[in-house]
Protein backbone atom coordinates (compact mmCIF):
# COMPACT_ATOMS: atom_id res chain seq x y z
CA MET A 1 87.39 -75.79 6.17
CA ALA A 2 86.63 -73.54 3.22
CA HIS A 3 87.18 -74.77 -0.31
CA PRO A 4 87.47 -72.48 -3.33
CA VAL A 5 84.50 -72.54 -5.70
CA PRO A 6 85.89 -74.23 -8.82
CA SER A 7 84.89 -74.15 -12.44
CA ALA A 8 82.91 -77.15 -13.63
CA PRO A 9 85.12 -80.04 -14.73
CA LYS A 10 85.33 -80.66 -18.47
CA ARG A 11 84.70 -84.40 -18.11
CA THR A 12 81.07 -85.42 -17.91
CA PRO A 13 80.44 -87.72 -14.91
CA LEU A 14 79.31 -91.16 -16.07
CA THR A 15 76.30 -91.15 -13.74
CA ALA A 16 75.03 -87.71 -14.75
CA SER A 17 72.30 -87.72 -17.38
CA VAL A 18 68.79 -86.46 -17.83
CA GLY A 19 66.19 -89.06 -18.66
CA ARG A 20 66.05 -92.73 -17.92
CA ARG A 21 68.76 -94.92 -19.36
CA VAL A 22 67.56 -98.47 -19.88
CA PRO A 23 70.36 -101.01 -19.37
CA ARG A 24 71.16 -103.12 -22.41
CA ARG A 25 70.26 -106.79 -22.12
CA PRO A 26 72.97 -109.40 -22.76
CA GLY A 27 73.17 -110.10 -26.46
CA GLN A 28 71.23 -106.98 -27.40
CA GLN A 29 72.90 -104.96 -30.15
CA GLY A 30 74.10 -101.50 -29.26
CA GLN A 31 74.17 -98.40 -31.44
CA GLN A 32 77.24 -99.64 -33.32
CA GLY A 33 75.72 -103.09 -33.92
CA GLN A 34 78.00 -104.77 -31.39
CA GLN A 35 76.87 -107.65 -29.20
CA GLY A 36 76.53 -107.13 -25.43
CA THR A 37 79.68 -107.83 -23.43
CA ALA A 38 80.22 -109.95 -20.33
CA ALA A 39 80.15 -106.72 -18.32
CA ASP A 40 76.67 -105.98 -19.70
CA ALA A 41 75.51 -109.43 -18.57
CA THR A 42 76.97 -108.98 -15.11
CA GLN A 43 75.39 -105.56 -14.62
CA SER A 44 71.96 -106.65 -15.85
CA SER A 45 71.96 -109.62 -13.47
CA LEU A 46 72.50 -107.44 -10.40
CA PRO A 47 69.42 -106.58 -8.32
CA THR A 48 68.07 -103.07 -8.81
CA VAL A 49 67.32 -100.68 -5.96
CA GLU A 50 65.06 -97.66 -6.46
CA GLU A 51 66.13 -94.47 -4.65
CA VAL A 52 64.23 -91.18 -4.47
CA SER A 53 65.70 -87.84 -3.40
CA ALA A 54 64.57 -84.22 -3.43
CA GLY A 55 66.23 -80.82 -3.30
CA GLY A 56 66.73 -77.82 -5.48
CA LEU A 57 67.69 -74.18 -5.82
CA VAL A 58 67.25 -71.92 -2.80
CA VAL A 59 67.52 -68.36 -4.09
CA ARG A 60 68.01 -64.95 -2.51
CA LYS A 61 68.28 -61.44 -3.94
CA ILE A 62 71.11 -59.28 -2.67
CA ALA A 63 72.00 -55.82 -4.01
CA GLY A 64 69.93 -56.62 -7.11
CA ARG A 65 71.69 -59.93 -7.82
CA LEU A 66 70.13 -63.38 -7.54
CA GLN A 67 72.24 -65.95 -5.68
CA VAL A 68 71.85 -69.69 -5.10
CA ALA A 69 73.21 -71.69 -2.16
CA ILE A 70 75.15 -74.76 -3.32
CA ILE A 71 77.25 -77.36 -1.51
CA ALA A 72 80.53 -79.17 -2.09
CA ARG A 73 80.93 -82.91 -1.61
CA TYR A 74 83.70 -85.42 -2.26
CA ASN A 75 82.76 -88.12 -4.74
CA ARG A 76 83.79 -91.77 -4.42
CA GLY A 77 87.04 -90.97 -6.19
CA GLY A 78 87.91 -88.22 -3.74
CA ARG A 79 87.26 -85.34 -6.14
CA LEU A 80 85.47 -82.24 -4.86
CA GLU A 81 82.19 -81.59 -6.67
CA TRP A 82 79.85 -78.60 -6.34
CA CYS A 83 76.17 -79.47 -6.58
CA LEU A 84 72.64 -78.53 -5.61
CA PRO A 85 71.55 -79.61 -2.11
CA LYS A 86 69.41 -82.75 -2.05
CA GLY A 87 68.79 -85.92 -0.10
CA HIS A 88 66.59 -88.93 0.53
CA LEU A 89 62.98 -88.79 1.66
CA GLU A 90 62.38 -89.76 5.28
CA GLY A 91 59.36 -91.75 6.42
CA VAL A 92 56.15 -90.56 4.78
CA GLU A 93 57.61 -87.26 3.55
CA LYS A 94 56.37 -85.88 0.28
CA HIS A 95 58.88 -84.73 -2.32
CA HIS A 96 58.47 -81.01 -1.60
CA GLU A 97 58.73 -81.55 2.16
CA ALA A 98 61.98 -83.46 1.77
CA ALA A 99 63.34 -80.74 -0.53
CA VAL A 100 62.77 -78.01 2.07
CA ARG A 101 64.29 -80.11 4.86
CA GLU A 102 67.31 -81.26 2.87
CA VAL A 103 68.12 -77.77 1.59
CA GLU A 104 68.09 -76.40 5.13
CA GLU A 105 70.09 -79.30 6.57
CA GLU A 106 72.80 -79.11 3.92
CA THR A 107 73.07 -75.34 3.50
CA GLY A 108 71.67 -73.84 6.71
CA ILE A 109 69.20 -71.81 4.63
CA ALA A 110 65.45 -72.10 5.23
CA GLY A 111 63.25 -71.69 2.18
CA GLU A 112 59.73 -71.85 0.83
CA ILE A 113 58.87 -73.63 -2.38
CA LEU A 114 57.83 -71.51 -5.33
CA ALA A 115 57.68 -74.07 -8.15
CA SER A 116 58.59 -77.59 -9.20
CA LEU A 117 61.51 -77.84 -11.63
CA GLY A 118 60.90 -81.44 -12.58
CA SER A 119 63.03 -84.50 -11.93
CA ILE A 120 66.22 -86.19 -13.09
CA ASP A 121 66.83 -89.91 -13.09
CA TYR A 122 69.96 -91.95 -13.68
CA TRP A 123 71.57 -95.32 -13.04
CA PHE A 124 74.78 -96.29 -11.29
CA THR A 125 76.29 -99.51 -9.98
CA VAL A 126 77.75 -100.28 -6.58
CA SER A 127 79.41 -103.53 -5.55
CA SER A 128 76.27 -105.56 -4.89
CA HIS A 129 73.48 -103.88 -6.86
CA ARG A 130 72.43 -101.31 -9.42
CA VAL A 131 70.69 -98.13 -8.32
CA HIS A 132 68.00 -96.29 -10.25
CA LYS A 133 67.89 -92.86 -8.64
CA THR A 134 65.26 -90.17 -9.17
CA VAL A 135 65.84 -86.64 -7.88
CA HIS A 136 62.94 -84.16 -7.69
CA HIS A 137 64.02 -80.51 -7.87
CA TYR A 138 62.22 -77.37 -6.68
CA LEU A 139 62.73 -73.63 -6.79
CA LEU A 140 62.78 -72.12 -3.29
CA ARG A 141 62.90 -68.57 -2.00
CA ALA A 142 65.29 -68.15 0.93
CA THR A 143 63.44 -67.07 4.07
CA GLY A 144 66.21 -67.12 6.69
CA GLY A 145 69.19 -68.91 8.15
CA GLU A 146 72.94 -68.67 7.66
CA LEU A 147 75.28 -70.72 5.51
CA THR A 148 76.56 -73.75 7.40
CA THR A 149 77.15 -77.46 6.88
CA GLU A 150 77.01 -78.18 10.60
CA ASN A 151 73.37 -79.32 10.45
CA ASP A 152 73.97 -81.97 7.78
CA PRO A 153 73.25 -85.25 9.61
CA ASP A 154 75.15 -87.31 7.02
CA HIS A 155 78.15 -84.96 7.01
CA GLU A 156 78.39 -85.27 3.23
CA ALA A 157 78.54 -81.53 2.58
CA VAL A 158 82.04 -80.21 3.26
CA ASP A 159 81.46 -76.63 2.15
CA VAL A 160 78.62 -74.30 1.17
CA ALA A 161 78.55 -71.03 -0.76
CA TRP A 162 76.26 -68.40 -2.25
CA VAL A 163 76.91 -68.23 -6.00
CA ASP A 164 75.52 -65.61 -8.36
CA LEU A 165 72.92 -67.12 -10.68
CA GLU A 166 74.75 -65.64 -13.67
CA VAL A 167 77.80 -67.84 -13.07
CA LEU A 168 76.12 -70.83 -11.46
CA ASN A 169 76.33 -73.06 -14.53
CA SER A 170 80.09 -72.60 -14.69
CA THR A 171 80.36 -73.67 -11.05
CA LEU A 172 78.13 -76.77 -10.83
CA SER A 173 79.89 -80.04 -11.61
CA PHE A 174 77.02 -81.93 -13.25
CA PRO A 175 75.39 -81.19 -16.63
CA ASN A 176 71.97 -82.43 -15.46
CA GLU A 177 71.95 -79.89 -12.61
CA ARG A 178 72.95 -77.13 -15.03
CA ARG A 179 69.83 -78.00 -17.04
CA ILE A 180 67.74 -77.64 -13.86
CA VAL A 181 69.27 -74.17 -13.40
CA ASP A 182 68.20 -73.26 -16.94
CA LEU A 183 64.63 -74.28 -16.09
CA ALA A 184 64.77 -72.16 -12.93
CA ARG A 185 65.82 -69.13 -14.98
CA ASP A 186 62.71 -69.60 -17.13
CA VAL A 187 60.29 -69.52 -14.18
CA LEU A 188 62.03 -67.03 -11.88
CA PRO A 189 60.58 -63.92 -13.59
CA GLU A 190 57.12 -64.95 -12.31
CA TYR A 191 58.31 -64.73 -8.70
CA ILE A 192 61.06 -62.13 -8.69
CA ASP A 193 58.82 -59.35 -7.31
CA GLY A 194 58.34 -61.40 -4.15
CA PHE A 195 62.05 -61.45 -3.29
CA PRO A 196 63.23 -58.88 -0.74
CA ASP A 197 66.36 -57.12 -1.97
CA LEU A 198 68.91 -57.60 0.81
CA PRO A 199 71.74 -55.12 1.37
CA GLU A 200 75.29 -55.94 0.27
CA SER A 201 76.32 -56.09 3.92
CA GLN A 202 74.62 -59.50 4.19
CA GLN A 203 77.00 -60.95 1.59
């Protein structure tokens, strides 16, 4: 089922931030000089689980325009969010290997890595534990495949689309991923000559 590509929501998701956020300890004063709350104490007492994922921007050039394949997922609240493809490492995979695999599984597009775009980390809480998640992002050149979510083993991606790089930041739902896109724009000029310019008929 196709879903329209929306504009990014105005509200910033609580779990989206660049850089590590260290949880406040009970009793520790916050920025406004207030004491920690009971909620702070409860959260800090939960066990912490470390999660590592990898993904990134898979880019193609078509009729002179650069496009990026992105996916849509439903969040825990049932809202549709557009984001960069990514997923957990499997077995002894390295970060870049997982990025290539996850991008192809979630978008149907095969790619080769051109550069690392750094990592994002953030915290969120589920019912029984807190999660510290780190996501490693890469810039990839599309080498083949067709857009599809049928190969996503977790069936989290409900739609996929090519989006022009020029409007990508107004489409992605998360501010941290928009910052990754800005980094990609900085390094793309080094690699642009290696992109085949596909005809408009492959749109």
